[in-house]
Structures are given as structure tokens and as C-alpha cells.
Amino acid sequence: ITYSEEVCRRMANLSPAAEDFRIYWDNAYCVHHL
């Protein structure tokens, strides 16, 4: 599956308590369309 725009929007708007929090965005299949 592919993350929806709403999920991405909420991901980009996270407010983590840890200043060193990181989203590890492994975009491995960005051009792998069937």
C-alpha cells in the first residue's frame, strides 16, 4: 500500500517530545510501478 495524503500530512505535523526524534522515511519503491 501507499501512505495516504492525510497520513503524510499528520506525519509531517508531528510534535515529538524528543528533539532528536526522526522519521526514517525509506522510500525504496518510489518508481516501482506495475
All heavy atoms as atom14 arrays in JSON, in Angstrom:
{
  "sequence": "ITYSEEVCRRMANLSPAAEDFRIYWDNAYCVHHL",
  "atom14_mask": [
    [1, 1, 1, 1, 1, 1, 1, 1, 0, 0, 0, 0, 0, 0],
    [1, 1, 1, 1, 1, 1, 1, 0, 0, 0, 0, 0, 0, 0],
    [1, 1, 1, 1, 1, 1, 1, 1, 1, 1, 1, 1, 0, 0],
    [1, 1, 1, 1, 1, 1, 0, 0, 0, 0, 0, 0, 0, 0],
    [1, 1, 1, 1, 1, 1, 1, 1, 1, 0, 0, 0, 0, 0],
    [1, 1, 1, 1, 1, 1, 1, 1, 1, 0, 0, 0, 0, 0],
    [1, 1, 1, 1, 1, 1, 1, 0, 0, 0, 0, 0, 0, 0],
    [1, 1, 1, 1, 1, 1, 0, 0, 0, 0, 0, 0, 0, 0],
    [1, 1, 1, 1, 1, 1, 1, 1, 1, 1, 1, 0, 0, 0],
    [1, 1, 1, 1, 1, 1, 1, 1, 1, 1, 1, 0, 0, 0],
    [1, 1, 1, 1, 1, 1, 1, 1, 0, 0, 0, 0, 0, 0],
    [1, 1, 1, 1, 1, 0, 0, 0, 0, 0, 0, 0, 0, 0],
    [1, 1, 1, 1, 1, 1, 1, 1, 0, 0, 0, 0, 0, 0],
    [1, 1, 1, 1, 1, 1, 1, 1, 0, 0, 0, 0, 0, 0],
    [1, 1, 1, 1, 1, 1, 0, 0, 0, 0, 0, 0, 0, 0],
    [1, 1, 1, 1, 1, 1, 1, 0, 0, 0, 0, 0, 0, 0],
    [1, 1, 1, 1, 1, 0, 0, 0, 0, 0, 0, 0, 0, 0],
    [1, 1, 1, 1, 1, 0, 0, 0, 0, 0, 0, 0, 0, 0],
    [1, 1, 1, 1, 1, 1, 1, 1, 1, 0, 0, 0, 0, 0],
    [1, 1, 1, 1, 1, 1, 1, 1, 0, 0, 0, 0, 0, 0],
    [1, 1, 1, 1, 1, 1, 1, 1, 1, 1, 1, 0, 0, 0],
    [1, 1, 1, 1, 1, 1, 1, 1, 1, 1, 1, 0, 0, 0],
    [1, 1, 1, 1, 1, 1, 1, 1, 0, 0, 0, 0, 0, 0],
    [1, 1, 1, 1, 1, 1, 1, 1, 1, 1, 1, 1, 0, 0],
    [1, 1, 1, 1, 1, 1, 1, 1, 1, 1, 1, 1, 1, 1],
    [1, 1, 1, 1, 1, 1, 1, 1, 0, 0, 0, 0, 0, 0],
    [1, 1, 1, 1, 1, 1, 1, 1, 0, 0, 0, 0, 0, 0],
    [1, 1, 1, 1, 1, 0, 0, 0, 0, 0, 0, 0, 0, 0],
    [1, 1, 1, 1, 1, 1, 1, 1, 1, 1, 1, 1, 0, 0],
    [1, 1, 1, 1, 1, 1, 0, 0, 0, 0, 0, 0, 0, 0],
    [1, 1, 1, 1, 1, 1, 1, 0, 0, 0, 0, 0, 0, 0],
    [1, 1, 1, 1, 1, 1, 1, 1, 1, 1, 0, 0, 0, 0],
    [1, 1, 1, 1, 1, 1, 1, 1, 1, 1, 0, 0, 0, 0],
    [1, 1, 1, 1, 1, 1, 1, 1, 0, 0, 0, 0, 0, 0]
  ],
  "atom14_positions": [
    [[0.84, -1.19, 0.0], [0.0, 0.0, 0.0], [0.88, 1.25, 0.0], [2.1, 1.17, 0.22], [-0.94, 0.03, 1.22], [-0.12, 0.18, 2.51], [-1.83, -1.19, 1.27], [-0.92, 0.62, 3.7], [0.0, 0.0, 0.0], [0.0, 0.0, 0.0], [0.0, 0.0, 0.0], [0.0, 0.0, 0.0], [0.0, 0.0, 0.0], [0.0, 0.0, 0.0]],
    [[0.28, 2.4, -0.23], [0.99, 3.68, -0.19], [0.3, 4.59, 0.82], [-0.93, 4.67, 0.87], [1.0, 4.35, -1.58], [1.74, 3.51, -2.48], [1.64, 5.73, -1.54], [0.0, 0.0, 0.0], [0.0, 0.0, 0.0], [0.0, 0.0, 0.0], [0.0, 0.0, 0.0], [0.0, 0.0, 0.0], [0.0, 0.0, 0.0], [0.0, 0.0, 0.0]],
    [[1.1, 5.25, 1.66], [0.54, 6.14, 2.67], [-0.35, 7.19, 2.0], [0.01, 7.77, 0.97], [1.64, 6.87, 3.44], [2.48, 6.03, 4.38], [2.43, 4.64, 4.38], [3.34, 6.64, 5.28], [3.2, 3.89, 5.24], [4.13, 5.89, 6.15], [4.06, 4.52, 6.13], [4.84, 3.79, 6.99], [0.0, 0.0, 0.0], [0.0, 0.0, 0.0]],
    [[-1.48, 7.46, 2.61], [-2.4, 8.46, 2.08], [-1.87, 9.87, 2.35], [-0.97, 10.08, 3.18], [-3.77, 8.31, 2.75], [-3.69, 8.69, 4.12], [0.0, 0.0, 0.0], [0.0, 0.0, 0.0], [0.0, 0.0, 0.0], [0.0, 0.0, 0.0], [0.0, 0.0, 0.0], [0.0, 0.0, 0.0], [0.0, 0.0, 0.0], [0.0, 0.0, 0.0]],
    [[-2.41, 10.82, 1.65], [-2.01, 12.22, 1.84], [-2.28, 12.66, 3.28], [-1.5, 13.4, 3.88], [-2.75, 13.12, 0.86], [-2.28, 14.57, 0.91], [-2.81, 15.41, -0.23], [-3.42, 14.85, -1.16], [-2.63, 16.64, -0.19], [0.0, 0.0, 0.0], [0.0, 0.0, 0.0], [0.0, 0.0, 0.0], [0.0, 0.0, 0.0], [0.0, 0.0, 0.0]],
    [[-3.39, 12.17, 3.86], [-3.72, 12.53, 5.23], [-2.7, 11.98, 6.22], [-2.28, 12.67, 7.15], [-5.12, 12.0, 5.58], [-5.53, 12.17, 7.04], [-5.7, 13.62, 7.48], [-5.66, 14.52, 6.61], [-5.87, 13.86, 8.69], [0.0, 0.0, 0.0], [0.0, 0.0, 0.0], [0.0, 0.0, 0.0], [0.0, 0.0, 0.0], [0.0, 0.0, 0.0]],
    [[-2.27, 10.74, 6.01], [-1.24, 10.16, 6.88], [0.05, 10.95, 6.75], [0.71, 11.26, 7.76], [-1.01, 8.67, 6.52], [0.29, 8.16, 7.13], [-2.18, 7.82, 7.03], [0.0, 0.0, 0.0], [0.0, 0.0, 0.0], [0.0, 0.0, 0.0], [0.0, 0.0, 0.0], [0.0, 0.0, 0.0], [0.0, 0.0, 0.0], [0.0, 0.0, 0.0]],
    [[0.44, 11.29, 5.53], [1.66, 12.08, 5.33], [1.54, 13.45, 5.97], [2.51, 13.96, 6.56], [1.96, 12.21, 3.83], [2.41, 10.67, 3.03], [0.0, 0.0, 0.0], [0.0, 0.0, 0.0], [0.0, 0.0, 0.0], [0.0, 0.0, 0.0], [0.0, 0.0, 0.0], [0.0, 0.0, 0.0], [0.0, 0.0, 0.0], [0.0, 0.0, 0.0]],
    [[0.38, 14.06, 5.85], [0.17, 15.37, 6.46], [0.34, 15.3, 7.98], [1.02, 16.15, 8.59], [-1.24, 15.9, 6.12], [-1.52, 17.3, 6.65], [-3.0, 17.65, 6.51], [-3.84, 16.8, 7.35], [-3.99, 16.96, 8.66], [-3.33, 17.92, 9.31], [-4.78, 16.16, 9.34], [0.0, 0.0, 0.0], [0.0, 0.0, 0.0], [0.0, 0.0, 0.0]],
    [[-0.25, 14.28, 8.58], [-0.13, 14.14, 10.04], [1.3, 13.76, 10.44], [1.79, 14.18, 11.49], [-1.13, 13.09, 10.54], [-2.57, 13.54, 10.39], [-3.56, 12.46, 10.76], [-3.58, 12.17, 12.2], [-4.42, 11.3, 12.76], [-5.3, 10.63, 12.0], [-4.4, 11.09, 14.06], [0.0, 0.0, 0.0], [0.0, 0.0, 0.0], [0.0, 0.0, 0.0]],
    [[1.97, 12.99, 9.6], [3.35, 12.62, 9.88], [4.23, 13.87, 9.89], [5.1, 14.04, 10.76], [3.84, 11.63, 8.82], [5.13, 10.92, 9.16], [4.97, 9.63, 10.42], [4.09, 8.34, 9.53], [0.0, 0.0, 0.0], [0.0, 0.0, 0.0], [0.0, 0.0, 0.0], [0.0, 0.0, 0.0], [0.0, 0.0, 0.0], [0.0, 0.0, 0.0]],
    [[4.02, 14.74, 8.9], [4.83, 15.96, 8.78], [4.51, 16.98, 9.86], [5.28, 17.93, 10.06], [4.62, 16.58, 7.4], [0.0, 0.0, 0.0], [0.0, 0.0, 0.0], [0.0, 0.0, 0.0], [0.0, 0.0, 0.0], [0.0, 0.0, 0.0], [0.0, 0.0, 0.0], [0.0, 0.0, 0.0], [0.0, 0.0, 0.0], [0.0, 0.0, 0.0]],
    [[3.41, 16.78, 10.55], [3.0, 17.73, 11.58], [3.15, 17.17, 12.99], [2.62, 17.72, 13.95], [1.54, 18.15, 11.35], [1.2, 19.46, 12.02], [2.02, 20.38, 12.09], [-0.02, 19.57, 12.54], [0.0, 0.0, 0.0], [0.0, 0.0, 0.0], [0.0, 0.0, 0.0], [0.0, 0.0, 0.0], [0.0, 0.0, 0.0], [0.0, 0.0, 0.0]],
    [[3.89, 16.07, 13.13], [4.12, 15.5, 14.46], [4.83, 16.51, 15.36], [5.65, 17.3, 14.9], [4.95, 14.22, 14.36], [4.26, 12.98, 13.78], [5.28, 11.85, 13.63], [3.1, 12.53, 14.67], [0.0, 0.0, 0.0], [0.0, 0.0, 0.0], [0.0, 0.0, 0.0], [0.0, 0.0, 0.0], [0.0, 0.0, 0.0], [0.0, 0.0, 0.0]],
    [[4.53, 16.42, 16.64], [5.19, 17.29, 17.62], [5.81, 16.39, 18.69], [5.3, 16.28, 19.82], [4.19, 18.26, 18.24], [3.67, 19.13, 17.26], [0.0, 0.0, 0.0], [0.0, 0.0, 0.0], [0.0, 0.0, 0.0], [0.0, 0.0, 0.0], [0.0, 0.0, 0.0], [0.0, 0.0, 0.0], [0.0, 0.0, 0.0], [0.0, 0.0, 0.0]],
    [[6.91, 15.72, 18.37], [7.52, 14.78, 19.32], [8.15, 15.5, 20.5], [8.66, 16.61, 20.38], [8.58, 14.08, 18.47], [8.9, 15.03, 17.37], [7.64, 15.78, 17.09], [0.0, 0.0, 0.0], [0.0, 0.0, 0.0], [0.0, 0.0, 0.0], [0.0, 0.0, 0.0], [0.0, 0.0, 0.0], [0.0, 0.0, 0.0], [0.0, 0.0, 0.0]],
    [[8.1, 14.83, 21.64], [8.72, 15.4, 22.84], [10.24, 15.39, 22.72], [10.93, 16.25, 23.28], [8.28, 14.61, 24.07], [0.0, 0.0, 0.0], [0.0, 0.0, 0.0], [0.0, 0.0, 0.0], [0.0, 0.0, 0.0], [0.0, 0.0, 0.0], [0.0, 0.0, 0.0], [0.0, 0.0, 0.0], [0.0, 0.0, 0.0], [0.0, 0.0, 0.0]],
    [[10.78, 14.42, 22.0], [12.23, 14.29, 21.84], [12.72, 15.18, 20.7], [12.24, 15.06, 19.57], [12.61, 12.83, 21.55], [0.0, 0.0, 0.0], [0.0, 0.0, 0.0], [0.0, 0.0, 0.0], [0.0, 0.0, 0.0], [0.0, 0.0, 0.0], [0.0, 0.0, 0.0], [0.0, 0.0, 0.0], [0.0, 0.0, 0.0], [0.0, 0.0, 0.0]],
    [[13.67, 16.07, 20.99], [14.2, 16.95, 19.95], [14.97, 16.15, 18.9], [15.16, 16.62, 17.77], [15.12, 18.01, 20.56], [16.37, 17.43, 21.22], [17.3, 18.51, 21.76], [16.94, 19.7, 21.65], [18.37, 18.15, 22.28], [0.0, 0.0, 0.0], [0.0, 0.0, 0.0], [0.0, 0.0, 0.0], [0.0, 0.0, 0.0], [0.0, 0.0, 0.0]],
    [[15.44, 14.96, 19.26], [16.2, 14.13, 18.34], [15.35, 13.03, 17.68], [15.89, 12.06, 17.15], [17.41, 13.51, 19.04], [17.06, 12.79, 20.34], [15.91, 12.91, 20.79], [17.95, 12.14, 20.91], [0.0, 0.0, 0.0], [0.0, 0.0, 0.0], [0.0, 0.0, 0.0], [0.0, 0.0, 0.0], [0.0, 0.0, 0.0], [0.0, 0.0, 0.0]],
    [[14.05, 13.21, 17.72], [13.15, 12.28, 17.03], [13.31, 12.46, 15.52], [13.37, 13.59, 15.01], [11.7, 12.55, 17.42], [10.68, 11.72, 16.67], [10.27, 10.49, 17.16], [10.13, 12.18, 15.48], [9.33, 9.73, 16.48], [9.19, 11.43, 14.78], [8.79, 10.21, 15.29], [0.0, 0.0, 0.0], [0.0, 0.0, 0.0], [0.0, 0.0, 0.0]],
    [[13.36, 11.34, 14.78], [13.46, 11.39, 13.33], [12.51, 10.39, 12.69], [12.34, 9.26, 13.18], [14.89, 11.09, 12.86], [15.92, 12.14, 13.25], [15.7, 13.47, 12.55], [16.72, 14.46, 12.87], [16.65, 15.31, 13.91], [15.61, 15.26, 14.74], [17.61, 16.2, 14.11], [0.0, 0.0, 0.0], [0.0, 0.0, 0.0], [0.0, 0.0, 0.0]],
    [[11.92, 10.8, 11.59], [11.13, 9.9, 10.75], [12.09, 9.25, 9.76], [12.7, 9.94, 8.94], [10.03, 10.66, 9.98], [9.08, 11.37, 10.95], [9.27, 9.71, 9.06], [8.16, 12.37, 10.26], [0.0, 0.0, 0.0], [0.0, 0.0, 0.0], [0.0, 0.0, 0.0], [0.0, 0.0, 0.0], [0.0, 0.0, 0.0], [0.0, 0.0, 0.0]],
    [[12.27, 7.96, 9.85], [13.13, 7.22, 8.91], [12.28, 6.81, 7.72], [11.6, 5.79, 7.74], [13.75, 6.01, 9.61], [15.02, 6.35, 10.37], [15.03, 7.27, 11.41], [16.23, 5.75, 10.03], [16.19, 7.6, 12.09], [17.41, 6.05, 10.7], [17.38, 6.97, 11.72], [18.53, 7.3, 12.39], [0.0, 0.0, 0.0], [0.0, 0.0, 0.0]],
    [[12.32, 7.65, 6.69], [11.42, 7.56, 5.52], [12.14, 6.78, 4.42], [12.85, 7.33, 3.59], [11.11, 8.98, 5.08], [9.92, 9.23, 4.21], [9.93, 9.6, 2.9], [8.54, 9.2, 4.59], [8.66, 9.8, 2.43], [7.78, 9.56, 3.45], [7.86, 8.89, 5.77], [6.38, 9.64, 3.47], [6.48, 8.96, 5.78], [5.76, 9.33, 4.65]],
    [[11.96, 5.47, 4.41], [12.67, 4.58, 3.49], [11.84, 4.47, 2.2], [11.03, 3.56, 2.05], [12.87, 3.21, 4.14], [13.65, 2.25, 3.26], [14.11, 2.68, 2.19], [13.8, 1.08, 3.66], [0.0, 0.0, 0.0], [0.0, 0.0, 0.0], [0.0, 0.0, 0.0], [0.0, 0.0, 0.0], [0.0, 0.0, 0.0], [0.0, 0.0, 0.0]],
    [[12.11, 5.37, 1.28], [11.29, 5.45, 0.05], [11.86, 4.53, -1.03], [12.23, 4.96, -2.12], [11.24, 6.9, -0.42], [9.99, 7.2, -1.24], [9.23, 6.3, -1.57], [9.78, 8.46, -1.56], [0.0, 0.0, 0.0], [0.0, 0.0, 0.0], [0.0, 0.0, 0.0], [0.0, 0.0, 0.0], [0.0, 0.0, 0.0], [0.0, 0.0, 0.0]],
    [[11.91, 3.25, -0.71], [12.61, 2.28, -1.55], [11.93, 2.0, -2.88], [12.58, 1.6, -3.85], [12.76, 0.96, -0.77], [0.0, 0.0, 0.0], [0.0, 0.0, 0.0], [0.0, 0.0, 0.0], [0.0, 0.0, 0.0], [0.0, 0.0, 0.0], [0.0, 0.0, 0.0], [0.0, 0.0, 0.0], [0.0, 0.0, 0.0], [0.0, 0.0, 0.0]],
    [[10.61, 2.19, -2.96], [9.86, 1.75, -4.14], [9.18, 2.91, -4.87], [8.15, 2.73, -5.51], [8.83, 0.69, -3.74], [9.45, -0.46, -2.99], [9.23, -0.64, -1.63], [10.31, -1.34, -3.63], [9.84, -1.67, -0.93], [10.92, -2.38, -2.95], [10.68, -2.54, -1.6], [11.29, -3.57, -0.92], [0.0, 0.0, 0.0], [0.0, 0.0, 0.0]],
    [[9.79, 4.1, -4.78], [9.14, 5.31, -5.29], [8.92, 5.3, -6.8], [8.06, 6.03, -7.31], [9.91, 6.55, -4.87], [11.65, 6.56, -5.39], [0.0, 0.0, 0.0], [0.0, 0.0, 0.0], [0.0, 0.0, 0.0], [0.0, 0.0, 0.0], [0.0, 0.0, 0.0], [0.0, 0.0, 0.0], [0.0, 0.0, 0.0], [0.0, 0.0, 0.0]],
    [[9.67, 4.5, -7.55], [9.48, 4.44, -9.0], [9.11, 3.03, -9.47], [9.15, 2.74, -10.66], [10.74, 4.93, -9.76], [10.95, 6.42, -9.55], [11.97, 4.13, -9.35], [0.0, 0.0, 0.0], [0.0, 0.0, 0.0], [0.0, 0.0, 0.0], [0.0, 0.0, 0.0], [0.0, 0.0, 0.0], [0.0, 0.0, 0.0], [0.0, 0.0, 0.0]],
    [[8.72, 2.18, -8.53], [8.45, 0.77, -8.86], [6.97, 0.53, -9.11], [6.29, -0.19, -8.38], [8.95, -0.13, -7.73], [10.44, -0.18, -7.62], [11.18, 0.87, -7.15], [11.32, -1.16, -7.92], [12.47, 0.54, -7.15], [12.57, -0.67, -7.63], [0.0, 0.0, 0.0], [0.0, 0.0, 0.0], [0.0, 0.0, 0.0], [0.0, 0.0, 0.0]],
    [[6.46, 1.15, -10.17], [5.06, 0.97, -10.54], [4.89, -0.27, -11.43], [5.78, -0.59, -12.22], [4.55, 2.2, -11.3], [4.85, 3.51, -10.62], [4.26, 3.89, -9.44], [5.69, 4.51, -10.98], [4.71, 5.08, -9.09], [5.59, 5.48, -10.0], [0.0, 0.0, 0.0], [0.0, 0.0, 0.0], [0.0, 0.0, 0.0], [0.0, 0.0, 0.0]],
    [[3.75, -0.92, -11.32], [3.45, -2.06, -12.17], [2.65, -1.68, -13.4], [2.66, -2.39, -14.4], [2.67, -3.12, -11.39], [3.43, -3.87, -10.28], [2.49, -4.77, -9.51], [4.58, -4.69, -10.88], [0.0, 0.0, 0.0], [0.0, 0.0, 0.0], [0.0, 0.0, 0.0], [0.0, 0.0, 0.0], [0.0, 0.0, 0.0], [0.0, 0.0, 0.0]]
  ]
}
